[in-house]
Every structure is written in structure tokens, then in C-alpha cells.
mmCIF file of all heavy atoms, coordinates in Angstrom:
data_MODEL
# 
_entry.id   MODEL 
# 
loop_
_atom_site.group_PDB 
_atom_site.id 
_atom_site.type_symbol 
_atom_site.label_atom_id 
_atom_site.label_alt_id 
_atom_site.label_comp_id 
_atom_site.label_asym_id 
_atom_site.label_entity_id 
_atom_site.label_seq_id 
_atom_site.pdbx_PDB_ins_code 
_atom_site.Cartn_x 
_atom_site.Cartn_y 
_atom_site.Cartn_z 
_atom_site.occupancy 
_atom_site.B_iso_or_equiv 
_atom_site.pdbx_formal_charge 
_atom_site.auth_seq_id 
_atom_site.auth_comp_id 
_atom_site.auth_asym_id 
_atom_site.auth_atom_id 
_atom_site.pdbx_PDB_model_num 
ATOM 1   N N   . GLU A 1 1  ? -22.911 -17.763 14.928 1.00 0.00 ? 1  GLU A N   1 
ATOM 2   C CA  . GLU A 1 1  ? -22.669 -16.356 15.236 1.00 0.00 ? 1  GLU A CA  1 
ATOM 3   C C   . GLU A 1 1  ? -21.434 -15.811 14.523 1.00 0.00 ? 1  GLU A C   1 
ATOM 4   O O   . GLU A 1 1  ? -21.244 -14.600 14.453 1.00 0.00 ? 1  GLU A O   1 
ATOM 5   C CB  . GLU A 1 1  ? -22.514 -16.175 16.743 1.00 0.00 ? 1  GLU A CB  1 
ATOM 6   C CG  . GLU A 1 1  ? -23.771 -16.540 17.533 1.00 0.00 ? 1  GLU A CG  1 
ATOM 7   C CD  . GLU A 1 1  ? -23.551 -16.446 19.025 1.00 0.00 ? 1  GLU A CD  1 
ATOM 8   O OE1 . GLU A 1 1  ? -22.388 -16.178 19.422 1.00 0.00 ? 1  GLU A OE1 1 
ATOM 9   O OE2 . GLU A 1 1  ? -24.516 -16.628 19.788 1.00 0.00 ? 1  GLU A OE2 1 
ATOM 10  N N   . ASN A 1 2  ? -20.594 -16.731 14.010 1.00 0.00 ? 2  ASN A N   1 
ATOM 11  C CA  . ASN A 1 2  ? -19.357 -16.313 13.347 1.00 0.00 ? 2  ASN A CA  1 
ATOM 12  C C   . ASN A 1 2  ? -19.514 -16.273 11.828 1.00 0.00 ? 2  ASN A C   1 
ATOM 13  O O   . ASN A 1 2  ? -18.544 -16.066 11.116 1.00 0.00 ? 2  ASN A O   1 
ATOM 14  C CB  . ASN A 1 2  ? -18.224 -17.279 13.728 1.00 0.00 ? 2  ASN A CB  1 
ATOM 15  C CG  . ASN A 1 2  ? -16.869 -16.776 13.298 1.00 0.00 ? 2  ASN A CG  1 
ATOM 16  O OD1 . ASN A 1 2  ? -16.532 -15.615 13.493 1.00 0.00 ? 2  ASN A OD1 1 
ATOM 17  N ND2 . ASN A 1 2  ? -16.082 -17.641 12.679 1.00 0.00 ? 2  ASN A ND2 1 
ATOM 18  N N   . LEU A 1 3  ? -20.725 -16.476 11.317 1.00 0.00 ? 3  LEU A N   1 
ATOM 19  C CA  . LEU A 1 3  ? -20.963 -16.481 9.877  1.00 0.00 ? 3  LEU A CA  1 
ATOM 20  C C   . LEU A 1 3  ? -21.715 -15.226 9.461  1.00 0.00 ? 3  LEU A C   1 
ATOM 21  O O   . LEU A 1 3  ? -22.629 -14.773 10.147 1.00 0.00 ? 3  LEU A O   1 
ATOM 22  C CB  . LEU A 1 3  ? -21.758 -17.719 9.468  1.00 0.00 ? 3  LEU A CB  1 
ATOM 23  C CG  . LEU A 1 3  ? -21.144 -19.082 9.808  1.00 0.00 ? 3  LEU A CG  1 
ATOM 24  C CD1 . LEU A 1 3  ? -22.053 -20.207 9.345  1.00 0.00 ? 3  LEU A CD1 1 
ATOM 25  C CD2 . LEU A 1 3  ? -19.757 -19.224 9.191  1.00 0.00 ? 3  LEU A CD2 1 
ATOM 26  N N   . ALA A 1 4  ? -21.331 -14.673 8.315  1.00 0.00 ? 4  ALA A N   1 
ATOM 27  C CA  . ALA A 1 4  ? -21.994 -13.493 7.770  1.00 0.00 ? 4  ALA A CA  1 
ATOM 28  C C   . ALA A 1 4  ? -21.835 -13.507 6.252  1.00 0.00 ? 4  ALA A C   1 
ATOM 29  O O   . ALA A 1 4  ? -21.081 -14.317 5.710  1.00 0.00 ? 4  ALA A O   1 
ATOM 30  C CB  . ALA A 1 4  ? -21.413 -12.216 8.362  1.00 0.00 ? 4  ALA A CB  1 
ATOM 31  N N   . ILE A 1 5  ? -22.544 -12.619 5.564  1.00 0.00 ? 5  ILE A N   1 
ATOM 32  C CA  . ILE A 1 5  ? -22.436 -12.548 4.107  1.00 0.00 ? 5  ILE A CA  1 
ATOM 33  C C   . ILE A 1 5  ? -21.926 -11.173 3.694  1.00 0.00 ? 5  ILE A C   1 
ATOM 34  O O   . ILE A 1 5  ? -22.127 -10.177 4.395  1.00 0.00 ? 5  ILE A O   1 
ATOM 35  C CB  . ILE A 1 5  ? -23.787 -12.837 3.425  1.00 0.00 ? 5  ILE A CB  1 
ATOM 36  C CG1 . ILE A 1 5  ? -24.844 -11.832 3.868  1.00 0.00 ? 5  ILE A CG1 1 
ATOM 37  C CG2 . ILE A 1 5  ? -24.241 -14.257 3.705  1.00 0.00 ? 5  ILE A CG2 1 
ATOM 38  C CD1 . ILE A 1 5  ? -26.153 -11.959 3.093  1.00 0.00 ? 5  ILE A CD1 1 
ATOM 39  N N   . CYS A 1 6  ? -21.267 -11.127 2.562  1.00 0.00 ? 6  CYS A N   1 
ATOM 40  C CA  . CYS A 1 6  ? -20.792 -9.865  2.000  1.00 0.00 ? 6  CYS A CA  1 
ATOM 41  C C   . CYS A 1 6  ? -20.440 -10.101 0.539  1.00 0.00 ? 6  CYS A C   1 
ATOM 42  O O   . CYS A 1 6  ? -20.388 -11.246 0.079  1.00 0.00 ? 6  CYS A O   1 
ATOM 43  C CB  . CYS A 1 6  ? -19.582 -9.332  2.773  1.00 0.00 ? 6  CYS A CB  1 
ATOM 44  S SG  . CYS A 1 6  ? -18.061 -10.249 2.461  1.00 0.00 ? 6  CYS A SG  1 
ATOM 45  N N   . ARG A 1 7  ? -20.204 -9.023  -0.184 1.00 0.00 ? 7  ARG A N   1 
ATOM 46  C CA  . ARG A 1 7  ? -19.709 -9.168  -1.550 1.00 0.00 ? 7  ARG A CA  1 
ATOM 47  C C   . ARG A 1 7  ? -18.216 -9.481  -1.502 1.00 0.00 ? 7  ARG A C   1 
ATOM 48  O O   . ARG A 1 7  ? -17.505 -9.028  -0.602 1.00 0.00 ? 7  ARG A O   1 
ATOM 49  C CB  . ARG A 1 7  ? -19.959 -7.886  -2.347 1.00 0.00 ? 7  ARG A CB  1 
ATOM 50  C CG  . ARG A 1 7  ? -21.433 -7.628  -2.604 1.00 0.00 ? 7  ARG A CG  1 
ATOM 51  C CD  . ARG A 1 7  ? -21.623 -6.518  -3.626 1.00 0.00 ? 7  ARG A CD  1 
ATOM 52  N NE  . ARG A 1 7  ? -23.035 -6.304  -3.899 1.00 0.00 ? 7  ARG A NE  1 
ATOM 53  C CZ  . ARG A 1 7  ? -23.740 -6.995  -4.787 1.00 0.00 ? 7  ARG A CZ  1 
ATOM 54  N NH1 . ARG A 1 7  ? -23.144 -7.964  -5.479 1.00 0.00 ? 7  ARG A NH1 1 
ATOM 55  N NH2 . ARG A 1 7  ? -25.016 -6.746  -4.982 1.00 0.00 ? 7  ARG A NH2 1 
ATOM 56  N N   . ARG A 1 8  ? -17.758 -10.259 -2.473 1.00 0.00 ? 8  ARG A N   1 
ATOM 57  C CA  . ARG A 1 8  ? -16.356 -10.698 -2.444 1.00 0.00 ? 8  ARG A CA  1 
ATOM 58  C C   . ARG A 1 8  ? -15.381 -9.515  -2.446 1.00 0.00 ? 8  ARG A C   1 
ATOM 59  O O   . ARG A 1 8  ? -14.314 -9.583  -1.846 1.00 0.00 ? 8  ARG A O   1 
ATOM 60  C CB  . ARG A 1 8  ? -16.086 -11.608 -3.641 1.00 0.00 ? 8  ARG A CB  1 
ATOM 61  C CG  . ARG A 1 8  ? -14.703 -12.261 -3.622 1.00 0.00 ? 8  ARG A CG  1 
ATOM 62  C CD  . ARG A 1 8  ? -14.549 -13.213 -4.769 1.00 0.00 ? 8  ARG A CD  1 
ATOM 63  N NE  . ARG A 1 8  ? -15.443 -14.346 -4.659 1.00 0.00 ? 8  ARG A NE  1 
ATOM 64  C CZ  . ARG A 1 8  ? -15.193 -15.427 -3.921 1.00 0.00 ? 8  ARG A CZ  1 
ATOM 65  N NH1 . ARG A 1 8  ? -14.085 -15.499 -3.202 1.00 0.00 ? 8  ARG A NH1 1 
ATOM 66  N NH2 . ARG A 1 8  ? -16.055 -16.416 -3.886 1.00 0.00 ? 8  ARG A NH2 1 
ATOM 67  N N   . LYS A 1 9  ? -15.762 -8.434  -3.113 1.00 0.00 ? 9  LYS A N   1 
ATOM 68  C CA  . LYS A 1 9  ? -14.856 -7.296  -3.220 1.00 0.00 ? 9  LYS A CA  1 
ATOM 69  C C   . LYS A 1 9  ? -14.527 -6.692  -1.859 1.00 0.00 ? 9  LYS A C   1 
ATOM 70  O O   . LYS A 1 9  ? -13.417 -6.211  -1.631 1.00 0.00 ? 9  LYS A O   1 
ATOM 71  C CB  . LYS A 1 9  ? -15.484 -6.232  -4.122 1.00 0.00 ? 9  LYS A CB  1 
ATOM 72  C CG  . LYS A 1 9  ? -14.552 -5.090  -4.449 1.00 0.00 ? 9  LYS A CG  1 
ATOM 73  C CD  . LYS A 1 9  ? -15.208 -4.134  -5.434 1.00 0.00 ? 9  LYS A CD  1 
ATOM 74  C CE  . LYS A 1 9  ? -14.261 -2.974  -5.761 1.00 0.00 ? 9  LYS A CE  1 
ATOM 75  N NZ  . LYS A 1 9  ? -14.886 -2.019  -6.714 1.00 0.00 ? 9  LYS A NZ  1 
ATOM 76  N N   . GLY A 1 10 ? -15.492 -6.722  -0.912 1.00 0.00 ? 10 GLY A N   1 
ATOM 77  C CA  . GLY A 1 10 ? -15.248 -6.105  0.396  1.00 0.00 ? 10 GLY A CA  1 
ATOM 78  C C   . GLY A 1 10 ? -14.805 -7.068  1.470  1.00 0.00 ? 10 GLY A C   1 
ATOM 79  O O   . GLY A 1 10 ? -14.787 -6.722  2.654  1.00 0.00 ? 10 GLY A O   1 
ATOM 80  N N   . LEU A 1 11 ? -14.431 -8.305  1.067  1.00 0.00 ? 11 LEU A N   1 
ATOM 81  C CA  . LEU A 1 11 ? -14.088 -9.326  2.057  1.00 0.00 ? 11 LEU A CA  1 
ATOM 82  C C   . LEU A 1 11 ? -12.867 -8.945  2.885  1.00 0.00 ? 11 LEU A C   1 
ATOM 83  O O   . LEU A 1 11 ? -12.827 -9.185  4.096  1.00 0.00 ? 11 LEU A O   1 
ATOM 84  C CB  . LEU A 1 11 ? -13.844 -10.665 1.352  1.00 0.00 ? 11 LEU A CB  1 
ATOM 85  C CG  . LEU A 1 11 ? -13.475 -11.845 2.246  1.00 0.00 ? 11 LEU A CG  1 
ATOM 86  C CD1 . LEU A 1 11 ? -14.593 -12.146 3.227  1.00 0.00 ? 11 LEU A CD1 1 
ATOM 87  C CD2 . LEU A 1 11 ? -13.165 -13.078 1.407  1.00 0.00 ? 11 LEU A CD2 1 
ATOM 88  N N   . LEU A 1 12 ? -11.870 -8.324  2.253  1.00 0.00 ? 12 LEU A N   1 
ATOM 89  C CA  . LEU A 1 12 ? -10.616 -8.013  2.951  1.00 0.00 ? 12 LEU A CA  1 
ATOM 90  C C   . LEU A 1 12 ? -10.502 -6.519  3.266  1.00 0.00 ? 12 LEU A C   1 
ATOM 91  O O   . LEU A 1 12 ? -9.403  -5.964  3.232  1.00 0.00 ? 12 LEU A O   1 
ATOM 92  C CB  . LEU A 1 12 ? -9.422  -8.466  2.104  1.00 0.00 ? 12 LEU A CB  1 
ATOM 93  C CG  . LEU A 1 12 ? -9.313  -9.977  1.865  1.00 0.00 ? 12 LEU A CG  1 
ATOM 94  C CD1 . LEU A 1 12 ? -8.144  -10.290 0.952  1.00 0.00 ? 12 LEU A CD1 1 
ATOM 95  C CD2 . LEU A 1 12 ? -9.161  -10.723 3.182  1.00 0.00 ? 12 LEU A CD2 1 
ATOM 96  N N   . SER A 1 13 ? -11.611 -5.894  3.602  1.00 0.00 ? 13 SER A N   1 
ATOM 97  C CA  . SER A 1 13 ? -11.549 -4.483  3.988  1.00 0.00 ? 13 SER A CA  1 
ATOM 98  C C   . SER A 1 13 ? -10.817 -4.342  5.321  1.00 0.00 ? 13 SER A C   1 
ATOM 99  O O   . SER A 1 13 ? -10.788 -5.265  6.141  1.00 0.00 ? 13 SER A O   1 
ATOM 100 C CB  . SER A 1 13 ? -12.963 -3.901  4.105  1.00 0.00 ? 13 SER A CB  1 
ATOM 101 O OG  . SER A 1 13 ? -13.654 -4.532  5.170  1.00 0.00 ? 13 SER A OG  1 
ATOM 102 N N   . THR A 1 14 ? -10.228 -3.183  5.543  1.00 0.00 ? 14 THR A N   1 
ATOM 103 C CA  . THR A 1 14 ? -9.448  -2.946  6.760  1.00 0.00 ? 14 THR A CA  1 
ATOM 104 C C   . THR A 1 14 ? -10.313 -3.092  8.010  1.00 0.00 ? 14 THR A C   1 
ATOM 105 O O   . THR A 1 14 ? -9.872  -3.644  9.021  1.00 0.00 ? 14 THR A O   1 
ATOM 106 C CB  . THR A 1 14 ? -8.819  -1.540  6.727  1.00 0.00 ? 14 THR A CB  1 
ATOM 107 O OG1 . THR A 1 14 ? -8.082  -1.389  5.518  1.00 0.00 ? 14 THR A OG1 1 
ATOM 108 C CG2 . THR A 1 14 ? -7.887  -1.342  7.906  1.00 0.00 ? 14 THR A CG2 1 
ATOM 109 N N   . GLU A 1 15 ? -11.568 -2.622  7.952  1.00 0.00 ? 15 GLU A N   1 
ATOM 110 C CA  . GLU A 1 15 ? -12.449 -2.712  9.117  1.00 0.00 ? 15 GLU A CA  1 
ATOM 111 C C   . GLU A 1 15 ? -12.718 -4.170  9.492  1.00 0.00 ? 15 GLU A C   1 
ATOM 112 O O   . GLU A 1 15 ? -12.692 -4.535  10.678 1.00 0.00 ? 15 GLU A O   1 
ATOM 113 C CB  . GLU A 1 15 ? -13.774 -2.003  8.829  1.00 0.00 ? 15 GLU A CB  1 
ATOM 114 C CG  . GLU A 1 15 ? -13.677 -0.491  8.690  1.00 0.00 ? 15 GLU A CG  1 
ATOM 115 C CD  . GLU A 1 15 ? -13.064 -0.065  7.365  1.00 0.00 ? 15 GLU A CD  1 
ATOM 116 O OE1 . GLU A 1 15 ? -13.021 -0.916  6.450  1.00 0.00 ? 15 GLU A OE1 1 
ATOM 117 O OE2 . GLU A 1 15 ? -12.622 1.091   7.263  1.00 0.00 ? 15 GLU A OE2 1 
ATOM 118 N N   . ARG A 1 16 ? -12.972 -5.004  8.483  1.00 0.00 ? 16 ARG A N   1 
ATOM 119 C CA  . ARG A 1 16 ? -13.242 -6.414  8.766  1.00 0.00 ? 16 ARG A CA  1 
ATOM 120 C C   . ARG A 1 16 ? -11.994 -7.113  9.304  1.00 0.00 ? 16 ARG A C   1 
ATOM 121 O O   . ARG A 1 16 ? -12.081 -7.967  10.194 1.00 0.00 ? 16 ARG A O   1 
ATOM 122 C CB  . ARG A 1 16 ? -13.732 -7.115  7.499  1.00 0.00 ? 16 ARG A CB  1 
ATOM 123 C CG  . ARG A 1 16 ? -15.166 -6.758  7.132  1.00 0.00 ? 16 ARG A CG  1 
ATOM 124 C CD  . ARG A 1 16 ? -15.734 -7.757  6.138  1.00 0.00 ? 16 ARG A CD  1 
ATOM 125 N NE  . ARG A 1 16 ? -17.155 -7.518  5.927  1.00 0.00 ? 16 ARG A NE  1 
ATOM 126 C CZ  . ARG A 1 16 ? -17.655 -6.809  4.923  1.00 0.00 ? 16 ARG A CZ  1 
ATOM 127 N NH1 . ARG A 1 16 ? -16.838 -6.282  4.027  1.00 0.00 ? 16 ARG A NH1 1 
ATOM 128 N NH2 . ARG A 1 16 ? -18.955 -6.644  4.807  1.00 0.00 ? 16 ARG A NH2 1 
ATOM 129 N N   . LEU A 1 17 ? -10.840 -6.771  8.767  1.00 0.00 ? 17 LEU A N   1 
ATOM 130 C CA  . LEU A 1 17 ? -9.598  -7.384  9.248  1.00 0.00 ? 17 LEU A CA  1 
ATOM 131 C C   . LEU A 1 17 ? -9.328  -7.016  10.703 1.00 0.00 ? 17 LEU A C   1 
ATOM 132 O O   . LEU A 1 17 ? -8.945  -7.870  11.514 1.00 0.00 ? 17 LEU A O   1 
ATOM 133 C CB  . LEU A 1 17 ? -8.420  -6.953  8.365  1.00 0.00 ? 17 LEU A CB  1 
ATOM 134 C CG  . LEU A 1 17 ? -8.404  -7.480  6.924  1.00 0.00 ? 17 LEU A CG  1 
ATOM 135 C CD1 . LEU A 1 17 ? -7.285  -6.834  6.134  1.00 0.00 ? 17 LEU A CD1 1 
ATOM 136 C CD2 . LEU A 1 17 ? -8.241  -8.993  6.925  1.00 0.00 ? 17 LEU A CD2 1 
ATOM 137 N N   . LYS A 1 18 ? -9.542  -5.750  11.060 1.00 0.00 ? 18 LYS A N   1 
ATOM 138 C CA  . LYS A 1 18 ? -9.309  -5.306  12.436 1.00 0.00 ? 18 LYS A CA  1 
ATOM 139 C C   . LYS A 1 18 ? -10.294 -5.955  13.401 1.00 0.00 ? 18 LYS A C   1 
ATOM 140 O O   . LYS A 1 18 ? -9.929  -6.366  14.505 1.00 0.00 ? 18 LYS A O   1 
ATOM 141 C CB  . LYS A 1 18 ? -9.406  -3.782  12.504 1.00 0.00 ? 18 LYS A CB  1 
ATOM 142 C CG  . LYS A 1 18 ? -8.236  -3.070  11.818 1.00 0.00 ? 18 LYS A CG  1 
ATOM 143 C CD  . LYS A 1 18 ? -8.518  -1.600  11.583 1.00 0.00 ? 18 LYS A CD  1 
ATOM 144 C CE  . LYS A 1 18 ? -8.604  -0.821  12.854 1.00 0.00 ? 18 LYS A CE  1 
ATOM 145 N NZ  . LYS A 1 18 ? -8.770  0.630   12.592 1.00 0.00 ? 18 LYS A NZ  1 
ATOM 146 N N   . LYS A 1 19 ? -11.571 -6.074  12.968 1.00 0.00 ? 19 LYS A N   1 
ATOM 147 C CA  . LYS A 1 19 ? -12.572 -6.728  13.812 1.00 0.00 ? 19 LYS A CA  1 
ATOM 148 C C   . LYS A 1 19 ? -12.217 -8.197  14.039 1.00 0.00 ? 19 LYS A C   1 
ATOM 149 O O   . LYS A 1 19 ? -12.329 -8.714  15.161 1.00 0.00 ? 19 LYS A O   1 
ATOM 150 C CB  . LYS A 1 19 ? -13.941 -6.608  13.154 1.00 0.00 ? 19 LYS A CB  1 
ATOM 151 C CG  . LYS A 1 19 ? -15.076 -7.202  13.981 1.00 0.00 ? 19 LYS A CG  1 
ATOM 152 C CD  . LYS A 1 19 ? -16.412 -7.021  13.296 1.00 0.00 ? 19 LYS A CD  1 
ATOM 153 C CE  . LYS A 1 19 ? -17.537 -7.636  14.139 1.00 0.00 ? 19 LYS A CE  1 
ATOM 154 N NZ  . LYS A 1 19 ? -18.856 -7.485  13.458 1.00 0.00 ? 19 LYS A NZ  1 
ATOM 155 N N   . ALA A 1 20 ? -11.781 -8.868  12.984 1.00 0.00 ? 20 ALA A N   1 
ATOM 156 C CA  . ALA A 1 20 ? -11.396 -10.275 13.105 1.00 0.00 ? 20 ALA A CA  1 
ATOM 157 C C   . ALA A 1 20 ? -10.218 -10.441 14.047 1.00 0.00 ? 20 ALA A C   1 
ATOM 158 O O   . ALA A 1 20 ? -10.174 -11.374 14.860 1.00 0.00 ? 20 ALA A O   1 
ATOM 159 C CB  . ALA A 1 20 ? -11.055 -10.834 11.725 1.00 0.00 ? 20 ALA A CB  1 
ATOM 160 N N   . LEU A 1 21 ? -9.245  -9.543  13.957 1.00 0.00 ? 21 LEU A N   1 
ATOM 161 C CA  . LEU A 1 21 ? -8.070  -9.621  14.821 1.00 0.00 ? 21 LEU A CA  1 
ATOM 162 C C   . LEU A 1 21 ? -8.454  -9.496  16.287 1.00 0.00 ? 21 LEU A C   1 
ATOM 163 O O   . LEU A 1 21 ? -7.954  -10.241 17.143 1.00 0.00 ? 21 LEU A O   1 
ATOM 164 C CB  . LEU A 1 21 ? -7.071  -8.536  14.431 1.00 0.00 ? 21 LEU A CB  1 
ATOM 165 C CG  . LEU A 1 21 ? -5.728  -8.544  15.155 1.00 0.00 ? 21 LEU A CG  1 
ATOM 166 C CD1 . LEU A 1 21 ? -5.001  -9.864  14.920 1.00 0.00 ? 21 LEU A CD1 1 
ATOM 167 C CD2 . LEU A 1 21 ? -4.863  -7.373  14.697 1.00 0.00 ? 21 LEU A CD2 1 
ATOM 168 N N   . LEU A 1 22 ? -9.375  -8.572  16.612 1.00 0.00 ? 22 LEU A N   1 
ATOM 169 C CA  . LEU A 1 22 ? -9.828  -8.407  17.999 1.00 0.00 ? 22 LEU A CA  1 
ATOM 170 C C   . LEU A 1 22 ? -10.563 -9.655  18.499 1.00 0.00 ? 22 LEU A C   1 
ATOM 171 O O   . LEU A 1 22 ? -10.390 -10.074 19.652 1.00 0.00 ? 22 LEU A O   1 
ATOM 172 C CB  . LEU A 1 22 ? -10.737 -7.182  18.105 1.00 0.00 ? 22 LEU A CB  1 
ATOM 173 C CG  . LEU A 1 22 ? -10.071 -5.824  17.874 1.00 0.00 ? 22 LEU A CG  1 
ATOM 174 C CD1 . LEU A 1 22 ? -11.108 -4.711  17.857 1.00 0.00 ? 22 LEU A CD1 1 
ATOM 175 C CD2 . LEU A 1 22 ? -9.016  -5.558  18.948 1.00 0.00 ? 22 LEU A CD2 1 
ATOM 176 N N   . LEU A 1 23 ? -11.378 -10.250 17.621 1.00 0.00 ? 23 LEU A N   1 
ATOM 177 C CA  . LEU A 1 23 ? -12.095 -11.476 18.009 1.00 0.00 ? 23 LEU A CA  1 
ATOM 178 C C   . LEU A 1 23 ? -11.117 -12.621 18.285 1.00 0.00 ? 23 LEU A C   1 
ATOM 179 O O   . LEU A 1 23 ? -11.302 -13.391 19.235 1.00 0.00 ? 23 LEU A O   1 
ATOM 180 C CB  . LEU A 1 23 ? -13.068 -11.881 16.898 1.00 0.00 ? 23 LEU A CB  1 
ATOM 181 C CG  . LEU A 1 23 ? -14.297 -10.985 16.712 1.00 0.00 ? 23 LEU A CG  1 
ATOM 182 C CD1 . LEU A 1 23 ? -15.068 -11.402 15.469 1.00 0.00 ? 23 LEU A CD1 1 
ATOM 183 C CD2 . LEU A 1 23 ? -15.193 -11.052 17.945 1.00 0.00 ? 23 LEU A CD2 1 
ATOM 184 N N   . LEU A 1 24 ? -10.081 -12.734 17.472 1.00 0.00 ? 24 LEU A N   1 
ATOM 185 C CA  . LEU A 1 24 ? -9.082  -13.791 17.674 1.00 0.00 ? 24 LEU A CA  1 
ATOM 186 C C   . LEU A 1 24 ? -8.309  -13.583 18.972 1.00 0.00 ? 24 LEU A C   1 
ATOM 187 O O   . LEU A 1 24 ? -7.973  -14.551 19.668 1.00 0.00 ? 24 LEU A O   1 
ATOM 188 C CB  . LEU A 1 24 ? -8.114  -13.834 16.488 1.00 0.00 ? 24 LEU A CB  1 
ATOM 189 C CG  . LEU A 1 24 ? -8.700  -14.326 15.162 1.00 0.00 ? 24 LEU A CG  1 
ATOM 190 C CD1 . LEU A 1 24 ? -7.677  -14.202 14.052 1.00 0.00 ? 24 LEU A CD1 1 
ATOM 191 C CD2 . LEU A 1 24 ? -9.153  -15.780 15.289 1.00 0.00 ? 24 LEU A CD2 1 
ATOM 192 N N   . ILE A 1 25 ? -8.014  -12.339 19.302 1.00 0.00 ? 25 ILE A N   1 
ATOM 193 C CA  . ILE A 1 25 ? -7.320  -12.045 20.560 1.00 0.00 ? 25 ILE A CA  1 
ATOM 194 C C   . ILE A 1 25 ? -8.182  -12.464 21.753 1.00 0.00 ? 25 ILE A C   1 
ATOM 195 O O   . ILE A 1 25 ? -7.684  -13.053 22.730 1.00 0.00 ? 25 ILE A O   1 
ATOM 196 C CB  . ILE A 1 25 ? -6.953  -10.550 20.634 1.00 0.00 ? 25 ILE A CB  1 
ATOM 197 C CG1 . ILE A 1 25 ? -5.873  -10.227 19.592 1.00 0.00 ? 25 ILE A CG1 1 
ATOM 198 C CG2 . ILE A 1 25 ? -6.474  -10.178 22.033 1.00 0.00 ? 25 ILE A CG2 1 
ATOM 199 C CD1 . ILE A 1 25 ? -5.578  -8.751  19.455 1.00 0.00 ? 25 ILE A CD1 1 
# 
């Protein structure tokens, strides 16, 4: 459930970073 695919260019987008931070919390 924690795996997904994307293009390398969009890996560090702000939306993905914020979503990851909430999941870690």
C-alpha cells in the first residue's frame, strides 16, 4: 500500500512531500 509509480521529475513535488510527512506523523 506504500508503493506507487511516478516520473522521476515529479518525485519531490510539494504535494507528495506534504502527504508523506502526514503519513509519517
